[in-house]
Amino acid sequence: MKITRRTSALLIGAGFIGTAVRETFAADAAKAPAVYQEYVQGNPKSKVTVIEYASLTCPHCAHFQEQEYPKLKAAYIDTNKIKYIYRDFPLDGLATGAALLARCAPNGRGITMIDLMYKNQLEWLRAEQPVVPLKNYAKLSGMDDADIDSCLKNEAVLKEIQSVQEKASTLYQVDGTPTFFVNDVRVQGADFEALKAAIDKVLK
């Protein structure tokens, strides 16, 4: 899925989250706000770093998560051969709201929540009110209504998501999702075989 630089700039501008999302959760926050944390899996000291830029509303990202990522995880992440980083590159306001909720998930459950969102992507994207199933996924991670409202208003986490996306767009020319880098080298192809070839080249 592609976006133009102009569209990216508009998304990064004053707020990804639509009015409907903000109005759905109108209660005052009751708990301390979440803090942005990088999603890192595998071996943090590995000489091979793989970075994925993805959007939770991107069907190609969902396909990768469902079909290709399990193979990558088994071969390289679970065996501690690589350091794997998942970064948000939301293509629209709904993707940003979903990314925020995942970033706010307690006890390191963000990756699990992302996997759940991808597995059920068609369900919540096609829902009359997509925020309702997203809210339910957040609750499964241990959040309540106050946590969700606080999360969707969390400017610090939102600004960090924006910063990561802006850097990816301006410095690395990321203009679509999913996009992968192996040690700062862009990988052509969003599948296990393409990533395997790039990773093995560095490991050798």
Protein backbone atom coordinates (compact mmCIF):
# COMPACT_ATOMS: atom_id res chain seq x y z
CA MET A 1 0.00 0.00 0.00
CA LYS A 2 1.45 3.35 -1.07
CA ILE A 3 1.03 6.90 0.14
CA THR A 4 2.44 10.08 -1.35
CA ARG A 5 4.73 12.51 0.46
CA ARG A 6 1.85 14.99 0.49
CA THR A 7 -0.48 12.45 2.09
CA SER A 8 2.20 11.53 4.60
CA ALA A 9 2.66 15.17 5.52
CA LEU A 10 -1.08 15.58 6.02
CA LEU A 11 -1.20 12.51 8.23
CA ILE A 12 1.73 13.73 10.29
CA GLY A 13 0.04 17.11 10.66
CA ALA A 14 -2.20 18.14 13.52
CA GLY A 15 -3.61 14.77 14.59
CA PHE A 16 -4.16 11.38 13.00
CA ILE A 17 -7.18 10.56 15.10
CA GLY A 18 -10.59 11.49 13.82
CA THR A 19 -13.21 13.29 15.85
CA ALA A 20 -15.35 10.15 16.05
CA VAL A 21 -12.54 8.23 17.73
CA ARG A 22 -11.94 10.99 20.28
CA GLU A 23 -15.65 11.39 21.04
CA THR A 24 -16.15 7.66 21.54
CA PHE A 25 -13.98 7.74 24.64
CA ALA A 26 -14.99 10.86 26.54
CA ALA A 27 -14.31 9.83 30.13
CA ASP A 28 -11.51 11.42 32.14
CA ALA A 29 -8.31 9.37 32.34
CA ALA A 30 -7.89 7.59 35.64
CA LYS A 31 -4.39 6.17 35.36
CA ALA A 32 -0.90 7.37 34.55
CA PRO A 33 -0.30 7.76 30.80
CA ALA A 34 1.59 5.13 28.85
CA VAL A 35 5.14 5.79 27.67
CA TYR A 36 6.31 5.00 24.13
CA GLN A 37 8.58 1.96 23.96
CA GLU A 38 10.32 0.38 20.98
CA TYR A 39 9.10 -3.08 20.00
CA VAL A 40 12.27 -5.20 19.99
CA GLN A 41 12.37 -8.97 19.63
CA GLY A 42 15.17 -11.47 19.33
CA ASN A 43 18.76 -10.72 20.28
CA PRO A 44 19.33 -7.04 21.10
CA LYS A 45 23.09 -7.54 20.62
CA SER A 46 22.87 -9.23 17.22
CA LYS A 47 24.93 -7.80 14.38
CA VAL A 48 21.82 -8.06 12.19
CA THR A 49 18.95 -5.63 12.79
CA VAL A 50 15.73 -6.06 10.81
CA ILE A 51 13.25 -3.18 10.89
CA GLU A 52 9.66 -3.41 9.70
CA TYR A 53 7.57 -0.30 8.99
CA ALA A 54 3.90 -1.23 8.95
CA SER A 55 0.35 0.08 9.17
CA LEU A 56 -2.36 -1.81 11.00
CA THR A 57 -4.89 -1.03 8.23
CA CYS A 58 -2.58 -2.33 5.49
CA PRO A 59 -3.73 -5.69 4.02
CA HIS A 60 -0.21 -6.49 2.80
CA CYS A 61 1.05 -6.03 6.35
CA ALA A 62 -1.64 -8.39 7.63
CA HIS A 63 -0.63 -10.95 5.01
CA PHE A 64 3.01 -10.70 6.04
CA GLN A 65 2.11 -11.06 9.73
CA GLU A 66 -0.03 -14.11 9.07
CA GLN A 67 1.96 -15.93 6.40
CA GLU A 68 5.60 -14.79 6.43
CA TYR A 69 6.39 -13.52 9.92
CA PRO A 70 5.93 -16.91 11.66
CA LYS A 71 8.66 -18.37 9.42
CA LEU A 72 10.96 -15.44 10.12
CA LYS A 73 10.28 -15.69 13.84
CA ALA A 74 11.04 -19.41 13.98
CA ALA A 75 14.21 -19.18 11.90
CA TYR A 76 15.80 -15.97 13.17
CA ILE A 77 14.00 -14.32 16.11
CA ASP A 78 13.41 -17.30 18.38
CA THR A 79 16.96 -18.51 17.65
CA ASN A 80 18.38 -15.08 18.64
CA LYS A 81 20.12 -14.62 15.29
CA ILE A 82 18.64 -11.16 14.68
CA LYS A 83 17.29 -8.10 16.42
CA TYR A 84 13.80 -7.41 15.06
CA ILE A 85 12.11 -4.03 15.42
CA TYR A 86 8.50 -3.30 14.51
CA ARG A 87 7.74 0.38 13.84
CA ASP A 88 4.46 2.13 13.10
CA PHE A 89 3.91 3.83 9.76
CA PRO A 90 0.15 4.47 9.96
CA LEU A 91 -1.51 5.19 6.62
CA ASP A 92 -4.64 6.76 8.08
CA GLY A 93 -6.29 7.94 11.27
CA LEU A 94 -7.74 4.55 12.12
CA ALA A 95 -4.33 2.92 11.84
CA THR A 96 -2.94 5.57 14.16
CA GLY A 97 -5.64 4.99 16.75
CA ALA A 98 -4.95 1.25 16.58
CA ALA A 99 -1.20 1.82 16.88
CA LEU A 100 -1.72 4.05 19.90
CA LEU A 101 -3.80 1.40 21.64
CA ALA A 102 -1.14 -1.24 20.99
CA ARG A 103 1.59 1.06 22.32
CA CYS A 104 -0.44 1.57 25.49
CA ALA A 105 -1.01 -2.14 26.11
CA PRO A 106 0.27 -3.01 29.60
CA ASN A 107 2.89 -5.56 30.60
CA GLY A 108 4.56 -5.74 27.19
CA ARG A 109 1.42 -7.00 25.45
CA GLY A 110 1.69 -4.59 22.52
CA ILE A 111 3.13 -7.16 20.10
CA THR A 112 0.41 -9.64 21.06
CA MET A 113 -2.23 -6.97 20.49
CA ILE A 114 -0.76 -6.10 17.08
CA ASP A 115 -0.93 -9.77 16.11
CA LEU A 116 -4.57 -9.87 17.23
CA MET A 117 -5.40 -6.75 15.18
CA TYR A 118 -3.83 -8.23 12.06
CA LYS A 119 -5.56 -11.58 12.53
CA ASN A 120 -8.92 -9.81 12.76
CA GLN A 121 -8.17 -6.93 10.39
CA LEU A 122 -11.13 -7.48 8.07
CA GLU A 123 -13.52 -7.71 11.01
CA TRP A 124 -12.72 -4.32 12.51
CA LEU A 125 -12.06 -2.53 9.22
CA ARG A 126 -15.47 -3.56 7.93
CA ALA A 127 -17.29 -2.83 11.18
CA GLU A 128 -19.78 0.02 11.21
CA GLN A 129 -17.83 1.47 14.12
CA PRO A 130 -14.28 0.06 13.88
CA VAL A 131 -13.35 1.60 17.20
CA VAL A 132 -15.68 -0.82 19.02
CA PRO A 133 -13.73 -4.01 18.21
CA LEU A 134 -10.47 -2.09 18.70
CA LYS A 135 -11.68 -1.17 22.16
CA ASN A 136 -12.43 -4.83 22.85
CA TYR A 137 -8.92 -5.86 21.78
CA ALA A 138 -7.51 -3.24 24.13
CA LYS A 139 -9.60 -4.63 26.97
CA LEU A 140 -8.28 -8.11 26.27
CA SER A 141 -4.79 -6.72 26.85
CA GLY A 142 -5.81 -5.49 30.30
CA MET A 143 -6.98 -1.93 29.60
CA ASP A 144 -10.27 -0.43 30.78
CA ASP A 145 -12.33 2.44 29.36
CA ALA A 146 -10.35 5.04 31.26
CA ASP A 147 -7.06 3.56 30.04
CA ILE A 148 -8.30 3.60 26.45
CA ASP A 149 -9.48 7.20 26.67
CA SER A 150 -6.18 8.27 28.22
CA CYS A 151 -4.25 6.40 25.55
CA LEU A 152 -6.08 8.00 22.62
CA LYS A 153 -5.34 11.41 24.13
CA ASN A 154 -1.69 10.61 24.86
CA GLU A 155 0.14 13.34 22.96
CA ALA A 156 3.60 12.07 23.97
CA VAL A 157 3.06 8.64 22.43
CA LEU A 158 1.33 10.16 19.40
CA LYS A 159 4.21 12.57 18.79
CA GLU A 160 6.70 9.70 18.97
CA ILE A 161 4.71 7.72 16.40
CA GLN A 162 4.67 10.82 14.20
CA SER A 163 8.39 11.33 14.67
CA VAL A 164 9.21 7.75 13.72
CA GLN A 165 7.03 8.00 10.62
CA GLU A 166 8.44 11.35 9.59
CA LYS A 167 12.01 10.11 9.95
CA ALA A 168 11.22 6.99 7.93
CA SER A 169 9.64 9.11 5.21
CA THR A 170 12.26 11.85 4.97
CA LEU A 171 15.49 9.97 5.70
CA TYR A 172 14.74 6.50 4.38
CA GLN A 173 12.14 7.34 1.70
CA VAL A 174 9.59 4.94 3.15
CA ASP A 175 6.37 5.60 1.23
CA GLY A 176 4.39 2.42 1.69
CA THR A 177 3.88 -0.60 3.90
CA PRO A 178 5.22 -3.01 4.75
CA THR A 179 8.79 -1.82 4.20
CA PHE A 180 11.80 -3.68 5.55
CA PHE A 181 15.42 -2.83 6.22
CA VAL A 182 18.25 -5.21 7.09
CA ASN A 183 21.07 -3.21 8.67
CA ASP A 184 19.83 -0.04 6.93
CA VAL A 185 19.65 -1.79 3.53
CA ARG A 186 16.16 -1.73 2.06
CA VAL A 187 14.83 -5.18 1.16
CA GLN A 188 12.97 -5.61 -2.10
CA GLY A 189 10.07 -7.89 -1.35
CA ALA A 190 7.83 -8.35 1.68
CA ASP A 191 8.23 -12.08 2.13
CA PHE A 192 10.31 -14.55 4.09
CA GLU A 193 12.58 -15.57 1.20
CA ALA A 194 13.60 -11.98 0.42
CA LEU A 195 14.34 -11.27 4.08
CA LYS A 196 16.15 -14.60 4.47
CA ALA A 197 18.48 -13.80 1.58
CA ALA A 198 19.30 -10.37 3.00
CA ILE A 199 19.81 -11.67 6.55
CA ASP A 200 21.95 -14.66 5.51
CA LYS A 201 24.17 -12.35 3.46
CA VAL A 202 25.02 -10.34 6.57
CA LEU A 203 25.33 -13.38 8.85
CA LYS A 204 27.87 -14.94 6.50
